[in-house]
Amino acid sequence: MLAEHGDRLAGFDPRARLILAALLALTVVSLQTSSAGSIALLAAGAIARLGGVSPQRLRYLLPLELLMLVLLLTLPFSVPGTPLLTFGPLVASREGGLLALLILFKANAVVLILFGLVGSLGAGAAVHALARLGLPSKLCQMLLLTLRQIDLVGDEYARMRLAMRARAFVPRSDRHSWRALGWLIGMLLVRSLARARRVADAMRCRGFDGQLRLPQRLRWRRRDTLLLLGALPLLAGLLLLDRWGWGGWTGWAESRLAGGV
């Protein structure tokens, strides 16, 4: 879970949060201008804050930011257009820089939206909400078991790494270290398979018959509908801003004022 105690969206139905996350993500992905992408990033940051995602939790974005850094450094030199910077035979274009910024804004916006609306739900609530929305039961089971297995494999990996450090293992770029890391990966796969079998045996002992049980009773309320309706102006505003830009908005306003006069 990525949320802390400040989740102001906890009172809404998980299905409404999933639907809103999907609508926002699809809208952000469809944007084509950096100005609309920047507004979407600001809105996504506000949503993440409402979802209880603290600034300390943003460290989970570090792998994404490293990938975006590589993109910012390489994409301007691979897209033809108006020259912006020149480094010997390499020419960075303005169009490539804007495209890199657009991808940066969109990627971070989508991740923050998922953090605020989905990440704070927890695995069980999110999977149950997907099942209530009509996702196939088998797929929901696979998703729930996969999330559970990831935690188990992570715990097993932490124990094995602790055992290696207790034996004074220090990874280096030599044959012994690579062999030890290979054994680590192999034993991790073997132990994860054994843990998966124990989980399957425990499920059968508890009467699991292959059907996903949904003990949570979800109730759609009026505020859930209002949440989705309240997000429509944001979605429409992003799409219109992406279509017209700031100049289009200004020209439209001036024409309306001139018509009124």
Protein backbone atom coordinates (compact mmCIF):
# COMPACT_ATOMS: atom_id res chain seq x y z
CA MET A 1 0.00 0.00 0.00
CA LEU A 2 1.24 3.47 -0.89
CA ALA A 3 -1.18 5.50 1.16
CA GLU A 4 -0.90 6.61 4.74
CA HIS A 5 -3.61 7.77 7.12
CA GLY A 6 -4.47 10.89 5.10
CA ASP A 7 -6.50 9.13 2.39
CA ARG A 8 -9.41 11.51 1.77
CA LEU A 9 -10.82 9.23 -0.93
CA ALA A 10 -11.25 6.25 1.37
CA GLY A 11 -15.01 6.76 1.65
CA PHE A 12 -15.64 6.24 -2.05
CA ASP A 13 -16.48 2.91 -3.62
CA PRO A 14 -13.37 1.14 -4.96
CA ARG A 15 -15.14 0.60 -8.26
CA ALA A 16 -15.61 4.34 -8.69
CA ARG A 17 -11.93 4.91 -7.99
CA LEU A 18 -10.91 2.28 -10.53
CA ILE A 19 -13.21 3.72 -13.19
CA LEU A 20 -11.94 7.23 -12.50
CA ALA A 21 -8.32 6.05 -12.66
CA ALA A 22 -8.96 4.36 -16.02
CA LEU A 23 -10.67 7.46 -17.47
CA LEU A 24 -7.94 9.79 -16.28
CA ALA A 25 -5.15 7.50 -17.49
CA LEU A 26 -6.71 7.12 -20.95
CA THR A 27 -7.20 10.87 -21.20
CA VAL A 28 -3.63 11.65 -20.15
CA VAL A 29 -2.18 9.07 -22.55
CA SER A 30 -4.11 10.65 -25.45
CA LEU A 31 -2.65 14.15 -24.88
CA GLN A 32 -0.38 15.51 -27.60
CA THR A 33 0.88 18.86 -26.23
CA SER A 34 3.29 19.57 -23.38
CA SER A 35 1.07 22.35 -22.01
CA ALA A 36 -1.84 19.96 -21.50
CA GLY A 37 0.59 17.37 -20.13
CA SER A 38 1.89 19.80 -17.52
CA ILE A 39 -1.66 20.59 -16.35
CA ALA A 40 -2.39 16.86 -16.20
CA LEU A 41 0.73 16.35 -14.05
CA LEU A 42 -0.39 19.04 -11.60
CA ALA A 43 -3.86 17.50 -11.40
CA ALA A 44 -2.35 14.03 -10.89
CA GLY A 45 -0.20 15.38 -8.04
CA ALA A 46 -3.31 16.78 -6.37
CA ILE A 47 -5.11 13.45 -6.77
CA ALA A 48 -2.14 11.59 -5.28
CA ARG A 49 -2.15 13.95 -2.32
CA LEU A 50 -5.88 13.41 -1.81
CA GLY A 51 -5.22 9.68 -1.93
CA GLY A 52 -2.86 9.97 1.03
CA VAL A 53 0.41 9.53 -0.86
CA SER A 54 3.03 11.36 1.20
CA PRO A 55 6.08 13.05 -0.38
CA GLN A 56 8.29 10.36 1.17
CA ARG A 57 6.48 7.73 -0.88
CA LEU A 58 7.52 9.45 -4.10
CA ARG A 59 10.82 7.58 -3.91
CA TYR A 60 8.99 4.81 -5.75
CA LEU A 61 9.17 7.09 -8.79
CA LEU A 62 12.97 6.97 -8.84
CA PRO A 63 13.25 4.07 -11.37
CA LEU A 64 10.81 5.86 -13.66
CA GLU A 65 12.71 9.14 -13.37
CA LEU A 66 15.99 7.42 -14.26
CA LEU A 67 14.35 6.07 -17.41
CA MET A 68 12.93 9.50 -18.19
CA LEU A 69 16.39 11.04 -17.73
CA VAL A 70 17.77 8.74 -20.40
CA LEU A 71 14.85 9.73 -22.62
CA LEU A 72 15.46 13.45 -22.07
CA LEU A 73 19.13 13.06 -22.96
CA THR A 74 18.64 11.00 -26.12
CA LEU A 75 15.28 11.81 -27.70
CA PRO A 76 16.06 15.44 -28.70
CA PHE A 77 19.00 14.16 -30.76
CA SER A 78 16.93 11.54 -32.59
CA VAL A 79 13.96 13.67 -33.71
CA PRO A 80 14.48 16.01 -36.67
CA GLY A 81 13.31 19.59 -36.39
CA THR A 82 14.39 23.11 -35.43
CA PRO A 83 17.96 23.02 -34.04
CA LEU A 84 18.12 23.91 -30.37
CA LEU A 85 21.57 22.74 -29.19
CA THR A 86 24.60 21.51 -31.10
CA PHE A 87 27.34 19.25 -29.77
CA GLY A 88 29.73 18.63 -32.63
CA PRO A 89 27.93 16.39 -35.13
CA LEU A 90 24.95 15.96 -32.77
CA VAL A 91 22.01 18.35 -33.06
CA ALA A 92 19.21 18.51 -30.51
CA SER A 93 15.89 19.62 -31.97
CA ARG A 94 13.20 21.67 -30.28
CA GLU A 95 10.55 19.16 -31.37
CA GLY A 96 12.48 16.31 -29.78
CA GLY A 97 12.80 18.23 -26.52
CA LEU A 98 9.08 18.97 -26.43
CA LEU A 99 8.29 15.34 -27.18
CA ALA A 100 10.56 14.19 -24.35
CA LEU A 101 8.88 16.65 -21.95
CA LEU A 102 5.46 15.43 -23.06
CA ILE A 103 6.40 11.81 -22.38
CA LEU A 104 7.85 12.83 -19.00
CA PHE A 105 4.67 14.65 -17.99
CA LYS A 106 2.36 11.89 -19.18
CA ALA A 107 4.29 9.03 -17.57
CA ASN A 108 4.53 10.73 -14.19
CA ALA A 109 0.88 11.83 -14.34
CA VAL A 110 -0.37 8.30 -14.99
CA VAL A 111 1.77 6.83 -12.21
CA LEU A 112 0.62 9.48 -9.70
CA ILE A 113 -3.02 8.86 -10.66
CA LEU A 114 -2.57 5.14 -10.04
CA PHE A 115 -0.80 5.84 -6.75
CA GLY A 116 -3.61 8.05 -5.47
CA LEU A 117 -6.63 6.12 -6.72
CA VAL A 118 -5.52 2.48 -6.93
CA GLY A 119 -2.34 2.09 -4.88
CA SER A 120 -4.06 3.20 -1.67
CA LEU A 121 -6.80 0.57 -2.03
CA GLY A 122 -4.70 -2.47 -1.28
CA ALA A 123 -4.43 -5.62 -3.36
CA GLY A 124 -7.51 -7.38 -1.97
CA ALA A 125 -9.88 -4.42 -2.34
CA ALA A 126 -8.62 -3.61 -5.84
CA VAL A 127 -9.03 -7.19 -7.10
CA HIS A 128 -12.48 -7.51 -5.53
CA ALA A 129 -13.52 -4.24 -7.17
CA LEU A 130 -12.26 -5.50 -10.55
CA ALA A 131 -14.28 -8.69 -10.07
CA ARG A 132 -17.39 -6.64 -9.27
CA LEU A 133 -16.82 -4.66 -12.45
CA GLY A 134 -17.01 -7.85 -14.50
CA LEU A 135 -13.39 -8.93 -14.88
CA PRO A 136 -13.22 -12.73 -15.37
CA SER A 137 -12.88 -14.68 -12.14
CA LYS A 138 -9.83 -16.63 -13.34
CA LEU A 139 -7.99 -13.45 -14.20
CA CYS A 140 -8.81 -11.97 -10.80
CA GLN A 141 -7.51 -15.10 -9.08
CA MET A 142 -4.28 -14.97 -11.07
CA LEU A 143 -3.81 -11.29 -10.23
CA LEU A 144 -4.47 -11.81 -6.53
CA LEU A 145 -2.17 -14.84 -6.28
CA THR A 146 0.54 -13.06 -8.28
CA LEU A 147 0.51 -10.11 -5.91
CA ARG A 148 0.67 -12.49 -2.96
CA GLN A 149 3.51 -14.47 -4.51
CA ILE A 150 5.51 -11.29 -5.16
CA ASP A 151 5.45 -10.55 -1.42
CA LEU A 152 6.48 -14.10 -0.58
CA VAL A 153 9.34 -14.11 -3.07
CA GLY A 154 10.48 -10.72 -1.79
CA ASP A 155 10.58 -11.99 1.79
CA GLU A 156 12.47 -15.11 0.70
CA TYR A 157 14.99 -13.01 -1.22
CA ALA A 158 15.55 -10.75 1.81
CA ARG A 159 16.24 -13.77 4.03
CA MET A 160 18.69 -15.28 1.56
CA ARG A 161 20.54 -11.99 1.12
CA LEU A 162 20.76 -11.64 4.90
CA ALA A 163 22.23 -15.15 5.12
CA MET A 164 24.82 -14.26 2.47
CA ARG A 165 25.83 -11.09 4.32
CA ALA A 166 26.09 -13.07 7.56
CA ARG A 167 28.66 -15.23 5.76
CA ALA A 168 30.66 -12.10 4.81
CA PHE A 169 29.68 -12.20 1.13
CA VAL A 170 30.54 -8.96 -0.67
CA PRO A 171 29.48 -8.80 -4.33
CA ARG A 172 32.32 -8.02 -6.73
CA SER A 173 32.87 -8.27 -10.45
CA ASP A 174 34.60 -11.63 -10.32
CA ARG A 175 33.79 -15.24 -11.09
CA HIS A 176 33.03 -16.17 -7.48
CA SER A 177 30.47 -13.36 -7.08
CA TRP A 178 28.70 -14.16 -10.34
CA ARG A 179 28.54 -17.84 -9.40
CA ALA A 180 27.12 -16.97 -5.96
CA LEU A 181 24.50 -14.67 -7.49
CA GLY A 182 23.57 -17.40 -9.95
CA TRP A 183 23.06 -19.83 -7.09
CA LEU A 184 20.99 -17.16 -5.33
CA ILE A 185 18.65 -16.77 -8.30
CA GLY A 186 18.34 -20.53 -8.74
CA MET A 187 17.57 -21.17 -5.07
CA LEU A 188 15.11 -18.28 -5.11
CA LEU A 189 13.18 -19.93 -7.96
CA VAL A 190 13.21 -23.31 -6.20
CA ARG A 191 12.05 -21.87 -2.88
CA SER A 192 9.36 -19.73 -4.54
CA LEU A 193 7.99 -22.87 -6.22
CA ALA A 194 7.95 -24.66 -2.85
CA ARG A 195 6.17 -21.71 -1.24
CA ALA A 196 3.61 -21.67 -4.05
CA ARG A 197 2.89 -25.37 -3.47
CA ARG A 198 2.43 -24.77 0.26
CA VAL A 199 0.04 -21.91 -0.48
CA ALA A 200 -1.94 -24.16 -2.84
CA ASP A 201 -2.12 -26.90 -0.18
CA ALA A 202 -3.29 -24.38 2.42
CA MET A 203 -6.00 -23.13 0.06
CA ARG A 204 -7.24 -26.67 -0.62
CA CYS A 205 -7.29 -27.40 3.14
CA ARG A 206 -9.59 -24.40 3.53
CA GLY A 207 -12.01 -25.70 0.92
CA PHE A 208 -10.90 -23.74 -2.13
CA ASP A 209 -12.81 -25.07 -5.15
CA GLY A 210 -11.44 -22.83 -7.88
CA GLN A 211 -14.01 -20.06 -7.45
CA LEU A 212 -13.15 -16.57 -6.24
CA ARG A 213 -15.15 -15.64 -3.16
CA LEU A 214 -16.05 -11.98 -2.71
CA PRO A 215 -16.75 -11.42 0.99
CA GLN A 216 -16.68 -7.64 0.65
CA ARG A 217 -20.06 -6.03 0.00
CA LEU A 218 -19.61 -2.97 -2.16
CA ARG A 219 -22.34 -0.38 -2.23
CA TRP A 220 -22.53 2.31 -4.88
CA ARG A 221 -23.64 5.59 -3.35
CA ARG A 222 -24.62 8.94 -4.70
CA ARG A 223 -21.25 10.45 -3.87
CA ASP A 224 -19.57 7.88 -6.11
CA THR A 225 -21.65 9.07 -9.04
CA LEU A 226 -20.86 12.67 -8.14
CA LEU A 227 -17.16 11.83 -8.07
CA LEU A 228 -17.26 10.59 -11.65
CA LEU A 229 -19.46 13.46 -12.82
CA GLY A 230 -17.17 15.95 -11.08
CA ALA A 231 -14.19 14.58 -12.98
CA LEU A 232 -15.81 15.17 -16.38
CA PRO A 233 -14.92 18.91 -16.48
CA LEU A 234 -11.28 18.03 -15.80
CA LEU A 235 -11.26 15.44 -18.58
CA ALA A 236 -12.99 17.79 -21.02
CA GLY A 237 -10.71 20.67 -20.06
CA LEU A 238 -7.57 18.63 -20.69
CA LEU A 239 -8.82 17.47 -24.08
CA LEU A 240 -9.88 20.97 -25.14
CA LEU A 241 -6.61 22.47 -23.94
CA ASP A 242 -4.75 19.79 -25.86
CA ARG A 243 -6.81 20.55 -28.97
CA TRP A 244 -6.74 24.35 -28.91
CA GLY A 245 -3.89 25.31 -26.59
CA TRP A 246 -3.67 28.54 -24.66
CA GLY A 247 -3.84 30.58 -27.84
CA GLY A 248 -7.06 28.88 -28.90
CA TRP A 249 -8.66 29.58 -25.54
CA THR A 250 -7.62 33.25 -25.73
CA GLY A 251 -8.89 33.63 -29.27
CA TRP A 252 -12.20 31.97 -28.39
CA ALA A 253 -12.66 34.28 -25.38
CA GLU A 254 -11.82 37.39 -27.43
CA SER A 255 -14.27 36.40 -30.15
CA ARG A 256 -17.02 35.88 -27.58
CA LEU A 257 -16.33 39.27 -26.01
CA ALA A 258 -16.23 40.96 -29.39
CA GLY A 259 -19.51 39.33 -30.35
CA GLY A 260 -21.09 40.50 -27.11
CA VAL A 261 -19.97 44.09 -27.72
